[in-house]
């Protein structure tokens, strides 16, 4: 059984692409389209990694990261931000929130896979 990854992105085509890429690599993937869905999924399933978008309608990725970190199951789970925002302020906010990697869209599926492997190996 592979590592479990929670992917949170309000853009379905991005979420499904990431899920497809990761499932091909043997990961178990749960896809959420909002922060509230992500929090509900996190309450049911322990995850090894979170991949979060920043811009979402109900809560941004930084807030979601903090919420997940405040749960017993999510306190030590590494986070990769996968976002269209590549500005320095967003990167700084991500690092302050404890994000392990910051990946900008558009992204290479192969590069994303490498980032995931690096993060999971460092845990």
PDB file of N, CA and C in Angstrom:
ATOM      1  N   UNK A   1       0.840  -1.183   0.000  1.00  0.00           N
ATOM      2  CA  UNK A   1       0.000   0.000   0.000  1.00  0.00           C
ATOM      3  C   UNK A   1       0.883   1.243   0.000  1.00  0.00           C
ATOM      4  N   UNK A   2       0.559   2.202  -0.881  1.00  0.00           N
ATOM      5  CA  UNK A   2       1.366   3.404  -1.018  1.00  0.00           C
ATOM      6  C   UNK A   2       1.048   4.442   0.035  1.00  0.00           C
ATOM      7  N   UNK A   3       1.831   5.478   0.023  1.00  0.00           N
ATOM      8  CA  UNK A   3       1.606   6.601   0.927  1.00  0.00           C
ATOM      9  C   UNK A   3       0.305   7.298   0.556  1.00  0.00           C
ATOM     10  N   UNK A   4      -0.374   7.846   1.560  1.00  0.00           N
ATOM     11  CA  UNK A   4      -1.650   8.538   1.348  1.00  0.00           C
ATOM     12  C   UNK A   4      -1.404  10.039   1.231  1.00  0.00           C
ATOM     13  N   UNK A   5      -1.955  10.626   0.169  1.00  0.00           N
ATOM     14  CA  UNK A   5      -1.769  12.045  -0.102  1.00  0.00           C
ATOM     15  C   UNK A   5      -3.128  12.716  -0.251  1.00  0.00           C
ATOM     16  N   UNK A   6      -3.293  13.847   0.423  1.00  0.00           N
ATOM     17  CA  UNK A   6      -4.486  14.670   0.288  1.00  0.00           C
ATOM     18  C   UNK A   6      -4.154  15.813  -0.656  1.00  0.00           C
ATOM     19  N   UNK A   7      -4.882  15.883  -1.787  1.00  0.00           N
ATOM     20  CA  UNK A   7      -4.704  16.947  -2.773  1.00  0.00           C
ATOM     21  C   UNK A   7      -5.908  17.878  -2.657  1.00  0.00           C
ATOM     22  N   UNK A   8      -5.643  19.171  -2.478  1.00  0.00           N
ATOM     23  CA  UNK A   8      -6.721  20.148  -2.330  1.00  0.00           C
ATOM     24  C   UNK A   8      -6.540  21.245  -3.376  1.00  0.00           C
ATOM     25  N   UNK A   9      -7.489  21.294  -4.302  1.00  0.00           N
ATOM     26  CA  UNK A   9      -7.470  22.319  -5.349  1.00  0.00           C
ATOM     27  C   UNK A   9      -8.897  22.546  -5.813  1.00  0.00           C
ATOM     28  N   UNK A  10      -9.322  23.793  -5.883  1.00  0.00           N
ATOM     29  CA  UNK A  10     -10.699  24.084  -6.290  1.00  0.00           C
ATOM     30  C   UNK A  10     -10.892  24.019  -7.803  1.00  0.00           C
ATOM     31  N   UNK A  11      -9.830  23.809  -8.544  1.00  0.00           N
ATOM     32  CA  UNK A  11      -9.935  23.641  -9.995  1.00  0.00           C
ATOM     33  C   UNK A  11      -9.927  22.141 -10.303  1.00  0.00           C
ATOM     34  N   UNK A  12     -11.088  21.568 -10.656  1.00  0.00           N
ATOM     35  CA  UNK A  12     -11.170  20.117 -10.864  1.00  0.00           C
ATOM     36  C   UNK A  12     -10.155  19.562 -11.851  1.00  0.00           C
ATOM     37  N   UNK A  13      -9.913  20.265 -12.965  1.00  0.00           N
ATOM     38  CA  UNK A  13      -8.977  19.710 -13.945  1.00  0.00           C
ATOM     39  C   UNK A  13      -7.560  19.584 -13.380  1.00  0.00           C
ATOM     40  N   UNK A  14      -7.155  20.508 -12.546  1.00  0.00           N
ATOM     41  CA  UNK A  14      -5.835  20.413 -11.905  1.00  0.00           C
ATOM     42  C   UNK A  14      -5.842  19.282 -10.878  1.00  0.00           C
ATOM     43  N   UNK A  15      -6.875  19.241 -10.052  1.00  0.00           N
ATOM     44  CA  UNK A  15      -6.974  18.199  -9.033  1.00  0.00           C
ATOM     45  C   UNK A  15      -6.942  16.807  -9.624  1.00  0.00           C
ATOM     46  N   UNK A  16      -7.720  16.595 -10.689  1.00  0.00           N
ATOM     47  CA  UNK A  16      -7.756  15.271 -11.314  1.00  0.00           C
ATOM     48  C   UNK A  16      -6.437  14.921 -11.997  1.00  0.00           C
ATOM     49  N   UNK A  17      -5.773  15.914 -12.580  1.00  0.00           N
ATOM     50  CA  UNK A  17      -4.467  15.672 -13.192  1.00  0.00           C
ATOM     51  C   UNK A  17      -3.461  15.230 -12.138  1.00  0.00           C
ATOM     52  N   UNK A  18      -3.403  15.954 -11.036  1.00  0.00           N
ATOM     53  CA  UNK A  18      -2.470  15.598  -9.959  1.00  0.00           C
ATOM     54  C   UNK A  18      -2.801  14.207  -9.422  1.00  0.00           C
ATOM     55  N   UNK A  19      -4.078  13.938  -9.216  1.00  0.00           N
ATOM     56  CA  UNK A  19      -4.486  12.621  -8.705  1.00  0.00           C
ATOM     57  C   UNK A  19      -4.051  11.509  -9.659  1.00  0.00           C
ATOM     58  N   UNK A  20      -4.282  11.707 -10.934  1.00  0.00           N
ATOM     59  CA  UNK A  20      -3.922  10.698 -11.932  1.00  0.00           C
ATOM     60  C   UNK A  20      -2.415  10.429 -11.926  1.00  0.00           C
ATOM     61  N   UNK A  21      -1.629  11.493 -11.922  1.00  0.00           N
ATOM     62  CA  UNK A  21      -0.167  11.363 -11.908  1.00  0.00           C
ATOM     63  C   UNK A  21       0.284  10.592 -10.668  1.00  0.00           C
ATOM     64  N   UNK A  22      -0.275  10.941  -9.521  1.00  0.00           N
ATOM     65  CA  UNK A  22       0.157  10.316  -8.272  1.00  0.00           C
ATOM     66  C   UNK A  22      -0.299   8.868  -8.159  1.00  0.00           C
ATOM     67  N   UNK A  23      -1.489   8.582  -8.629  1.00  0.00           N
ATOM     68  CA  UNK A  23      -1.978   7.202  -8.566  1.00  0.00           C
ATOM     69  C   UNK A  23      -1.130   6.290  -9.452  1.00  0.00           C
ATOM     70  N   UNK A  24      -0.658   6.798 -10.580  1.00  0.00           N
ATOM     71  CA  UNK A  24       0.246   6.017 -11.444  1.00  0.00           C
ATOM     72  C   UNK A  24       1.542   5.660 -10.722  1.00  0.00           C
ATOM     73  N   UNK A  25       1.915   6.485  -9.769  1.00  0.00           N
ATOM     74  CA  UNK A  25       3.142   6.247  -9.002  1.00  0.00           C
ATOM     75  C   UNK A  25       2.896   5.377  -7.772  1.00  0.00           C
ATOM     76  N   UNK A  26       1.660   4.939  -7.589  1.00  0.00           N
ATOM     77  CA  UNK A  26       1.349   4.030  -6.491  1.00  0.00           C
ATOM     78  C   UNK A  26       0.868   4.696  -5.215  1.00  0.00           C
ATOM     79  N   UNK A  27       0.637   5.991  -5.257  1.00  0.00           N
ATOM     80  CA  UNK A  27       0.134   6.677  -4.068  1.00  0.00           C
ATOM     81  C   UNK A  27      -1.377   6.509  -3.959  1.00  0.00           C
ATOM     82  N   UNK A  28      -1.857   6.499  -2.737  1.00  0.00           N
ATOM     83  CA  UNK A  28      -3.295   6.573  -2.493  1.00  0.00           C
ATOM     84  C   UNK A  28      -3.625   8.061  -2.423  1.00  0.00           C
ATOM     85  N   UNK A  29      -4.610   8.496  -3.198  1.00  0.00           N
ATOM     86  CA  UNK A  29      -4.892   9.926  -3.300  1.00  0.00           C
ATOM     87  C   UNK A  29      -6.345  10.209  -2.963  1.00  0.00           C
ATOM     88  N   UNK A  30      -6.536  11.179  -2.084  1.00  0.00           N
ATOM     89  CA  UNK A  30      -7.867  11.708  -1.810  1.00  0.00           C
ATOM     90  C   UNK A  30      -7.863  13.127  -2.342  1.00  0.00           C
ATOM     91  N   UNK A  31      -8.890  13.447  -3.123  1.00  0.00           N
ATOM     92  CA  UNK A  31      -8.988  14.757  -3.744  1.00  0.00           C
ATOM     93  C   UNK A  31     -10.111  15.548  -3.088  1.00  0.00           C
ATOM     94  N   UNK A  32      -9.798  16.768  -2.673  1.00  0.00           N
ATOM     95  CA  UNK A  32     -10.802  17.681  -2.098  1.00  0.00           C
ATOM     96  C   UNK A  32     -10.795  18.957  -2.928  1.00  0.00           C
ATOM     97  N   UNK A  33     -11.992  19.526  -3.136  1.00  0.00           N
ATOM     98  CA  UNK A  33     -12.112  20.728  -3.950  1.00  0.00           C
ATOM     99  C   UNK A  33     -12.298  21.993  -3.118  1.00  0.00           C
ATOM    100  N   UNK A  34     -12.257  21.857  -1.799  1.00  0.00           N
ATOM    101  CA  UNK A  34     -12.355  23.019  -0.918  1.00  0.00           C
ATOM    102  C   UNK A  34     -11.635  22.698   0.387  1.00  0.00           C
ATOM    103  N   UNK A  35     -11.358  23.740   1.135  1.00  0.00           N
ATOM    104  CA  UNK A  35     -10.708  23.554   2.427  1.00  0.00           C
ATOM    105  C   UNK A  35     -11.604  22.771   3.381  1.00  0.00           C
ATOM    106  N   UNK A  36     -12.905  23.034   3.337  1.00  0.00           N
ATOM    107  CA  UNK A  36     -13.821  22.322   4.229  1.00  0.00           C
ATOM    108  C   UNK A  36     -13.858  20.831   3.906  1.00  0.00           C
ATOM    109  N   UNK A  37     -13.842  20.478   2.613  1.00  0.00           N
ATOM    110  CA  UNK A  37     -13.765  19.067   2.222  1.00  0.00           C
ATOM    111  C   UNK A  37     -12.458  18.459   2.713  1.00  0.00           C
ATOM    112  N   UNK A  38     -11.394  19.215   2.621  1.00  0.00           N
ATOM    113  CA  UNK A  38     -10.083  18.721   3.052  1.00  0.00           C
ATOM    114  C   UNK A  38     -10.067  18.436   4.552  1.00  0.00           C
ATOM    115  N   UNK A  39     -10.629  19.346   5.332  1.00  0.00           N
ATOM    116  CA  UNK A  39     -10.671  19.141   6.784  1.00  0.00           C
ATOM    117  C   UNK A  39     -11.513  17.922   7.140  1.00  0.00           C
ATOM    118  N   UNK A  40     -12.624  17.715   6.430  1.00  0.00           N
ATOM    119  CA  UNK A  40     -13.466  16.535   6.666  1.00  0.00           C
ATOM    120  C   UNK A  40     -12.713  15.260   6.305  1.00  0.00           C
ATOM    121  N   UNK A  41     -12.002  15.262   5.179  1.00  0.00           N
ATOM    122  CA  UNK A  41     -11.228  14.089   4.770  1.00  0.00           C
ATOM    123  C   UNK A  41     -10.116  13.802   5.766  1.00  0.00           C
ATOM    124  N   UNK A  42      -9.473  14.845   6.249  1.00  0.00           N
ATOM    125  CA  UNK A  42      -8.382  14.686   7.207  1.00  0.00           C
ATOM    126  C   UNK A  42      -8.873  14.093   8.525  1.00  0.00           C
ATOM    127  N   UNK A  43     -10.111  14.371   8.884  1.00  0.00           N
ATOM    128  CA  UNK A  43     -10.675  13.819  10.126  1.00  0.00           C
ATOM    129  C   UNK A  43     -10.925  12.320   9.999  1.00  0.00           C
ATOM    130  N   UNK A  44     -11.068  11.820   8.776  1.00  0.00           N
ATOM    131  CA  UNK A  44     -11.369  10.406   8.545  1.00  0.00           C
ATOM    132  C   UNK A  44     -10.147   9.557   8.227  1.00  0.00           C
ATOM    133  N   UNK A  45      -9.144  10.153   7.598  1.00  0.00           N
ATOM    134  CA  UNK A  45      -8.012   9.402   7.054  1.00  0.00           C
ATOM    135  C   UNK A  45      -6.697  10.037   7.473  1.00  0.00           C
ATOM    136  N   UNK A  46      -5.732   9.243   7.922  1.00  0.00           N
ATOM    137  CA  UNK A  46      -4.397   9.807   8.163  1.00  0.00           C
ATOM    138  C   UNK A  46      -3.646   9.934   6.833  1.00  0.00           C
ATOM    139  N   UNK A  47      -3.005  11.060   6.628  1.00  0.00           N
ATOM    140  CA  UNK A  47      -2.264  11.298   5.394  1.00  0.00           C
ATOM    141  C   UNK A  47      -0.776  11.424   5.670  1.00  0.00           C
ATOM    142  N   UNK A  48       0.012  11.105   4.644  1.00  0.00           N
ATOM    143  CA  UNK A  48       1.463  11.225   4.720  1.00  0.00           C
ATOM    144  C   UNK A  48       1.953  12.536   4.127  1.00  0.00           C
ATOM    145  N   UNK A  49       1.091  13.189   3.325  1.00  0.00           N
ATOM    146  CA  UNK A  49       1.469  14.426   2.652  1.00  0.00           C
ATOM    147  C   UNK A  49       0.209  15.185   2.273  1.00  0.00           C
ATOM    148  N   UNK A  50       0.294  16.518   2.353  1.00  0.00           N
ATOM    149  CA  UNK A  50      -0.773  17.390   1.858  1.00  0.00           C
ATOM    150  C   UNK A  50      -0.220  18.179   0.679  1.00  0.00           C
ATOM    151  N   UNK A  51      -1.014  18.285  -0.392  1.00  0.00           N
ATOM    152  CA  UNK A  51      -0.689  19.162  -1.517  1.00  0.00           C
ATOM    153  C   UNK A  51      -1.829  20.168  -1.600  1.00  0.00           C
ATOM    154  N   UNK A  52      -1.518  21.434  -1.355  1.00  0.00           N
ATOM    155  CA  UNK A  52      -2.542  22.461  -1.219  1.00  0.00           C
ATOM    156  C   UNK A  52      -2.381  23.584  -2.237  1.00  0.00           C
ATOM    157  N   UNK A  53      -3.512  24.040  -2.753  1.00  0.00           N
ATOM    158  CA  UNK A  53      -3.553  25.255  -3.564  1.00  0.00           C
ATOM    159  C   UNK A  53      -3.674  26.435  -2.591  1.00  0.00           C
ATOM    160  N   UNK A  54      -3.315  27.624  -3.034  1.00  0.00           N
ATOM    161  CA  UNK A  54      -3.481  28.803  -2.172  1.00  0.00           C
ATOM    162  C   UNK A  54      -4.868  29.394  -2.348  1.00  0.00           C
ATOM    163  N   UNK A  55      -5.252  29.687  -3.588  1.00  0.00           N
ATOM    164  CA  UNK A  55      -6.510  30.394  -3.852  1.00  0.00           C
ATOM    165  C   UNK A  55      -7.675  29.415  -3.905  1.00  0.00           C
ATOM    166  N   UNK A  56      -8.514  29.481  -2.874  1.00  0.00           N
ATOM    167  CA  UNK A  56      -9.724  28.661  -2.813  1.00  0.00           C
ATOM    168  C   UNK A  56     -10.838  29.537  -2.253  1.00  0.00           C
ATOM    169  N   UNK A  57     -12.089  29.197  -2.548  1.00  0.00           N
ATOM    170  CA  UNK A  57     -13.182  30.090  -2.157  1.00  0.00           C
ATOM    171  C   UNK A  57     -13.489  30.153  -0.661  1.00  0.00           C
ATOM    172  N   UNK A  58     -13.359  29.063   0.069  1.00  0.00           N
ATOM    173  CA  UNK A  58     -13.799  29.065   1.468  1.00  0.00           C
ATOM    174  C   UNK A  58     -12.700  29.396   2.471  1.00  0.00           C
ATOM    175  N   UNK A  59     -11.472  29.111   2.142  1.00  0.00           N
ATOM    176  CA  UNK A  59     -10.338  29.347   3.032  1.00  0.00           C
ATOM    177  C   UNK A  59      -9.091  29.239   2.160  1.00  0.00           C
ATOM    178  N   UNK A  60      -8.140  30.146   2.313  1.00  0.00           N
ATOM    179  CA  UNK A  60      -6.958  30.026   1.458  1.00  0.00           C
ATOM    180  C   UNK A  60      -6.030  28.917   1.960  1.00  0.00           C
ATOM    181  N   UNK A  61      -5.069  28.565   1.141  1.00  0.00           N
ATOM    182  CA  UNK A  61      -4.170  27.461   1.461  1.00  0.00           C
ATOM    183  C   UNK A  61      -3.336  27.678   2.712  1.00  0.00           C
ATOM    184  N   UNK A  62      -2.994  28.934   3.004  1.00  0.00           N
ATOM    185  CA  UNK A  62      -2.229  29.223   4.218  1.00  0.00           C
ATOM    186  C   UNK A  62      -3.076  28.938   5.456  1.00  0.00           C
ATOM    187  N   UNK A  63      -4.330  29.393   5.412  1.00  0.00           N
ATOM    188  CA  UNK A  63      -5.245  29.135   6.535  1.00  0.00           C
ATOM    189  C   UNK A  63      -5.503  27.637   6.684  1.00  0.00           C
ATOM    190  N   UNK A  64      -5.699  26.965   5.558  1.00  0.00           N
ATOM    191  CA  UNK A  64      -5.920  25.516   5.603  1.00  0.00           C
ATOM    192  C   UNK A  64      -4.708  24.805   6.177  1.00  0.00           C
ATOM    193  N   UNK A  65      -3.538  25.210   5.785  1.00  0.00           N
ATOM    194  CA  UNK A  65      -2.308  24.614   6.312  1.00  0.00           C
ATOM    195  C   UNK A  65      -2.277  24.741   7.835  1.00  0.00           C
ATOM    196  N   UNK A  66      -2.587  25.925   8.346  1.00  0.00           N
ATOM    197  CA  UNK A  66      -2.596  26.129   9.803  1.00  0.00           C
ATOM    198  C   UNK A  66      -3.665  25.270  10.474  1.00  0.00           C
ATOM    199  N   UNK A  67      -4.844  25.174   9.849  1.00  0.00           N
ATOM    200  CA  UNK A  67      -5.922  24.337  10.413  1.00  0.00           C
ATOM    201  C   UNK A  67      -5.496  22.870  10.461  1.00  0.00           C
ATOM    202  N   UNK A  68      -4.908  22.393   9.391  1.00  0.00           N
ATOM    203  CA  UNK A  68      -4.452  20.998   9.359  1.00  0.00           C
ATOM    204  C   UNK A  68      -3.362  20.750  10.397  1.00  0.00           C
ATOM    205  N   UNK A  69      -2.482  21.718  10.555  1.00  0.00           N
ATOM    206  CA  UNK A  69      -1.395  21.595  11.542  1.00  0.00           C
ATOM    207  C   UNK A  69      -1.924  21.554  12.982  1.00  0.00           C
ATOM    208  N   UNK A  70      -3.110  22.119  13.188  1.00  0.00           N
ATOM    209  CA  UNK A  70      -3.705  22.135  14.526  1.00  0.00           C
ATOM    210  C   UNK A  70      -4.495  20.876  14.853  1.00  0.00           C
ATOM    211  N   UNK A  71      -4.479  19.894  13.952  1.00  0.00           N
ATOM    212  CA  UNK A  71      -5.156  18.626  14.226  1.00  0.00           C
ATOM    213  C   UNK A  71      -4.118  17.615  14.685  1.00  0.00           C
ATOM    214  N   UNK A  72      -4.502  16.678  15.554  1.00  0.00           N
ATOM    215  CA  UNK A  72      -3.527  15.669  15.996  1.00  0.00           C
ATOM    216  C   UNK A  72      -2.938  14.873  14.832  1.00  0.00           C
ATOM    217  N   UNK A  73      -3.752  14.555  13.833  1.00  0.00           N
ATOM    218  CA  UNK A  73      -3.259  13.750  12.716  1.00  0.00           C
ATOM    219  C   UNK A  73      -2.426  14.547  11.725  1.00  0.00           C
ATOM    220  N   UNK A  74      -2.568  15.870  11.727  1.00  0.00           N
ATOM    221  CA  UNK A  74      -1.885  16.681  10.726  1.00  0.00           C
ATOM    222  C   UNK A  74      -0.708  17.485  11.219  1.00  0.00           C
ATOM    223  N   UNK A  75      -0.421  17.409  12.491  1.00  0.00           N
ATOM    224  CA  UNK A  75       0.611  18.263  13.072  1.00  0.00           C
ATOM    225  C   UNK A  75       1.988  18.081  12.437  1.00  0.00           C
ATOM    226  N   UNK A  76       2.324  16.848  12.052  1.00  0.00           N
ATOM    227  CA  UNK A  76       3.657  16.567  11.514  1.00  0.00           C
ATOM    228  C   UNK A  76       3.662  16.238  10.022  1.00  0.00           C
ATOM    229  N   UNK A  77       2.515  16.369   9.361  1.00  0.00           N
ATOM    230  CA  UNK A  77       2.419  16.003   7.946  1.00  0.00           C
ATOM    231  C   UNK A  77       3.036  17.109   7.087  1.00  0.00           C
ATOM    232  N   UNK A  78       3.968  16.760   6.194  1.00  0.00           N
ATOM    233  CA  UNK A  78       4.557  17.789   5.329  1.00  0.00           C
ATOM    234  C   UNK A  78       3.554  18.324   4.312  1.00  0.00           C
ATOM    235  N   UNK A  79       3.808  19.552   3.865  1.00  0.00           N
ATOM    236  CA  UNK A  79       2.910  20.243   2.940  1.00  0.00           C
ATOM    237  C   UNK A  79       3.692  20.726   1.727  1.00  0.00           C
ATOM    238  N   UNK A  80       3.101  20.497   0.550  1.00  0.00           N
ATOM    239  CA  UNK A  80       3.587  21.095  -0.689  1.00  0.00           C
ATOM    240  C   UNK A  80       2.500  22.051  -1.164  1.00  0.00           C
ATOM    241  N   UNK A  81       2.871  23.304  -1.416  1.00  0.00           N
ATOM    242  CA  UNK A  81       1.946  24.263  -2.010  1.00  0.00           C
ATOM    243  C   UNK A  81       2.086  24.151  -3.508  1.00  0.00           C
ATOM    244  N   UNK A  82       0.965  23.943  -4.192  1.00  0.00           N
ATOM    245  CA  UNK A  82       0.925  23.873  -5.651  1.00  0.00           C
ATOM    246  C   UNK A  82      -0.027  24.972  -6.097  1.00  0.00           C
ATOM    247  N   UNK A  83       0.529  26.051  -6.637  1.00  0.00           N
ATOM    248  CA  UNK A  83      -0.273  27.256  -6.837  1.00  0.00           C
ATOM    249  C   UNK A  83       0.148  28.051  -8.063  1.00  0.00           C
ATOM    250  N   UNK A  84      -0.769  28.855  -8.546  1.00  0.00           N
ATOM    251  CA  UNK A  84      -0.468  29.769  -9.651  1.00  0.00           C
ATOM    252  C   UNK A  84       0.256  31.017  -9.143  1.00  0.00           C
ATOM    253  N   UNK A  85       0.203  31.250  -7.848  1.00  0.00           N
ATOM    254  CA  UNK A  85       0.853  32.428  -7.262  1.00  0.00           C
ATOM    255  C   UNK A  85       2.337  32.155  -7.050  1.00  0.00           C
ATOM    256  N   UNK A  86       3.166  32.861  -7.770  1.00  0.00           N
ATOM    257  CA  UNK A  86       4.599  32.647  -7.643  1.00  0.00           C
ATOM    258  C   UNK A  86       5.336  33.839  -7.069  1.00  0.00           C
ATOM    259  N   UNK A  87       4.593  34.800  -6.533  1.00  0.00           N
ATOM    260  CA  UNK A  87       5.228  36.011  -6.013  1.00  0.00           C
ATOM    261  C   UNK A  87       5.954  35.722  -4.696  1.00  0.00           C
ATOM    262  N   UNK A  88       6.898  36.584  -4.396  1.00  0.00           N
ATOM    263  CA  UNK A  88       7.732  36.394  -3.198  1.00  0.00           C
ATOM    264  C   UNK A  88       6.914  36.431  -1.909  1.00  0.00           C
ATOM    265  N   UNK A  89       5.885  37.247  -1.879  1.00  0.00           N
ATOM    266  CA  UNK A  89       5.042  37.327  -0.671  1.00  0.00           C
ATOM    267  C   UNK A  89       4.364  35.983  -0.409  1.00  0.00           C
ATOM    268  N   UNK A  90       3.849  35.351  -1.453  1.00  0.00           N
ATOM    269  CA  UNK A  90       3.200  34.042  -1.304  1.00  0.00           C
ATOM    270  C   UNK A  90       4.210  32.995  -0.853  1.00  0.00           C
ATOM    271  N   UNK A  91       5.403  33.029  -1.431  1.00  0.00           N
ATOM    272  CA  UNK A  91       6.449  32.067  -1.038  1.00  0.00           C
ATOM    273  C   UNK A  91       6.838  32.259   0.424  1.00  0.00           C
ATOM    274  N   UNK A  92       6.975  33.507   0.830  1.00  0.00           N
ATOM    275  CA  UNK A  92       7.341  33.801   2.219  1.00  0.00           C
ATOM    276  C   UNK A  92       6.229  33.336   3.170  1.00  0.00           C
ATOM    277  N   UNK A  93       4.979  33.613   2.813  1.00  0.00           N
ATOM    278  CA  UNK A  93       3.848  33.176   3.641  1.00  0.00           C
ATOM    279  C   UNK A  93       3.796  31.651   3.734  1.00  0.00           C
ATOM    280  N   UNK A  94       4.095  30.990   2.631  1.00  0.00           N
ATOM    281  CA  UNK A  94       4.102  29.523   2.631  1.00  0.00           C
ATOM    282  C   UNK A  94       5.181  28.984   3.565  1.00  0.00           C
ATOM    283  N   UNK A  95       6.360  29.555   3.490  1.00  0.00           N
ATOM    284  CA  UNK A  95       7.442  29.092   4.352  1.00  0.00           C
ATOM    285  C   UNK A  95       7.129  29.371   5.830  1.00  0.00           C
ATOM    286  N   UNK A  96       6.515  30.517   6.101  1.00  0.00           N
ATOM    287  CA  UNK A  96       6.129  30.853   7.475  1.00  0.00           C
ATOM    288  C   UNK A  96       5.067  29.885   7.995  1.00  0.00           C
ATOM    289  N   UNK A  97       4.235  29.353   7.083  1.00  0.00           N
ATOM    290  CA  UNK A  97       3.202  28.389   7.470  1.00  0.00           C
ATOM    291  C   UNK A  97       3.769  26.975   7.627  1.00  0.00           C
ATOM    292  N   UNK A  98       5.051  26.812   7.308  1.00  0.00           N
ATOM    293  CA  UNK A  98       5.680  25.509   7.479  1.00  0.00           C
ATOM    294  C   UNK A  98       5.629  24.612   6.256  1.00  0.00           C
ATOM    295  N   UNK A  99       5.469  25.214   5.091  1.00  0.00           N
ATOM    296  CA  UNK A  99       5.396  24.443   3.850  1.00  0.00           C
ATOM    297  C   UNK A  99       6.792  23.919   3.482  1.00  0.00           C
ATOM    298  N   UNK A 100       6.855  22.645   3.087  1.00  0.00           N
ATOM    299  CA  UNK A 100       8.136  22.026   2.743  1.00  0.00           C
ATOM    300  C   UNK A 100       8.612  22.412   1.343  1.00  0.00           C
ATOM    301  N   UNK A 101       7.676  22.510   0.399  1.00  0.00           N
ATOM    302  CA  UNK A 101       8.014  22.859  -0.988  1.00  0.00           C
ATOM    303  C   UNK A 101       6.944  23.785  -1.546  1.00  0.00           C
ATOM    304  N   UNK A 102       7.374  24.654  -2.439  1.00  0.00           N
ATOM    305  CA  UNK A 102       6.479  25.604  -3.096  1.00  0.00           C
ATOM    306  C   UNK A 102       6.627  25.376  -4.594  1.00  0.00           C
ATOM    307  N   UNK A 103       5.563  24.909  -5.252  1.00  0.00           N
ATOM    308  CA  UNK A 103       5.600  24.572  -6.674  1.00  0.00           C
ATOM    309  C   UNK A 103       4.574  25.448  -7.394  1.00  0.00           C
ATOM    310  N   UNK A 104       5.002  26.099  -8.470  1.00  0.00           N
ATOM    311  CA  UNK A 104       4.091  26.976  -9.191  1.00  0.00           C
ATOM    312  C   UNK A 104       3.483  26.270 -10.401  1.00  0.00           C
ATOM    313  N   UNK A 105       2.240  26.680 -10.695  1.00  0.00           N
ATOM    314  CA  UNK A 105       1.528  26.217 -11.892  1.00  0.00           C
ATOM    315  C   UNK A 105       1.884  27.176 -13.019  1.00  0.00           C
ATOM    316  N   UNK A 106       2.003  26.732 -14.246  1.00  0.00           N
ATOM    317  CA  UNK A 106       1.911  25.334 -14.654  1.00  0.00           C
ATOM    318  C   UNK A 106       3.113  24.556 -14.148  1.00  0.00           C
ATOM    319  N   UNK A 107       2.934  23.271 -13.960  1.00  0.00           N
ATOM    320  CA  UNK A 107       3.984  22.441 -13.402  1.00  0.00           C
ATOM    321  C   UNK A 107       4.200  21.214 -14.275  1.00  0.00           C
ATOM    322  N   UNK A 108       5.362  20.653 -14.150  1.00  0.00           N
ATOM    323  CA  UNK A 108       5.684  19.407 -14.834  1.00  0.00           C
ATOM    324  C   UNK A 108       5.310  18.261 -13.898  1.00  0.00           C
ATOM    325  N   UNK A 109       4.506  17.304 -14.357  1.00  0.00           N
ATOM    326  CA  UNK A 109       4.177  16.161 -13.500  1.00  0.00           C
ATOM    327  C   UNK A 109       5.428  15.438 -12.984  1.00  0.00           C
ATOM    328  N   UNK A 110       6.449  15.343 -13.826  1.00  0.00           N
ATOM    329  CA  UNK A 110       7.693  14.682 -13.403  1.00  0.00           C
ATOM    330  C   UNK A 110       8.377  15.473 -12.284  1.00  0.00           C
ATOM    331  N   UNK A 111       8.411  16.787 -12.422  1.00  0.00           N
ATOM    332  CA  UNK A 111       9.016  17.628 -11.386  1.00  0.00           C
ATOM    333  C   UNK A 111       8.215  17.548 -10.090  1.00  0.00           C
ATOM    334  N   UNK A 112       6.892  17.533 -10.204  1.00  0.00           N
ATOM    335  CA  UNK A 112       6.057  17.397  -9.011  1.00  0.00           C
ATOM    336  C   UNK A 112       6.365  16.079  -8.306  1.00  0.00           C
ATOM    337  N   UNK A 113       6.483  15.013  -9.074  1.00  0.00           N
ATOM    338  CA  UNK A 113       6.810  13.703  -8.502  1.00  0.00           C
ATOM    339  C   UNK A 113       8.148  13.754  -7.758  1.00  0.00           C
ATOM    340  N   UNK A 114       9.127  14.434  -8.319  1.00  0.00           N
ATOM    341  CA  UNK A 114      10.432  14.564  -7.668  1.00  0.00           C
ATOM    342  C   UNK A 114      10.314  15.334  -6.353  1.00  0.00           C
ATOM    343  N   UNK A 115       9.532  16.403  -6.364  1.00  0.00           N
ATOM    344  CA  UNK A 115       9.321  17.180  -5.134  1.00  0.00           C
ATOM    345  C   UNK A 115       8.667  16.297  -4.063  1.00  0.00           C
ATOM    346  N   UNK A 116       7.675  15.524  -4.453  1.00  0.00           N
ATOM    347  CA  UNK A 116       6.979  14.645  -3.511  1.00  0.00           C
ATOM    348  C   UNK A 116       7.948  13.630  -2.917  1.00  0.00           C
ATOM    349  N   UNK A 117       8.746  13.009  -3.757  1.00  0.00           N
ATOM    350  CA  UNK A 117       9.715  12.026  -3.267  1.00  0.00           C
ATOM    351  C   UNK A 117      10.700  12.658  -2.295  1.00  0.00           C
ATOM    352  N   UNK A 118      11.186  13.862  -2.625  1.00  0.00           N
ATOM    353  CA  UNK A 118      12.131  14.562  -1.738  1.00  0.00           C
ATOM    354  C   UNK A 118      11.497  14.837  -0.381  1.00  0.00           C
ATOM    355  N   UNK A 119      10.258  15.330  -0.399  1.00  0.00           N
ATOM    356  CA  UNK A 119       9.581  15.670   0.852  1.00  0.00           C
ATOM    357  C   UNK A 119       9.318  14.419   1.683  1.00  0.00           C
ATOM    358  N   UNK A 120       8.819  13.368   1.047  1.00  0.00           N
ATOM    359  CA  UNK A 120       8.507  12.149   1.800  1.00  0.00           C
ATOM    360  C   UNK A 120       9.766  11.459   2.330  1.00  0.00           C
ATOM    361  N   UNK A 121      10.879  11.562   1.605  1.00  0.00           N
ATOM    362  CA  UNK A 121      12.131  10.971   2.086  1.00  0.00           C
ATOM    363  C   UNK A 121      12.700  11.728   3.277  1.00  0.00           C
ATOM    364  N   UNK A 122      12.389  13.014   3.368  1.00  0.00           N
ATOM    365  CA  UNK A 122      12.949  13.829   4.450  1.00  0.00           C
ATOM    366  C   UNK A 122      12.168  13.725   5.756  1.00  0.00           C
ATOM    367  N   UNK A 123      11.045  13.014   5.714  1.00  0.00           N
ATOM    368  CA  UNK A 123      10.199  12.915   6.917  1.00  0.00           C
ATOM    369  C   UNK A 123      10.713  11.817   7.816  1.00  0.00           C
TER     370      UNK A 123
END
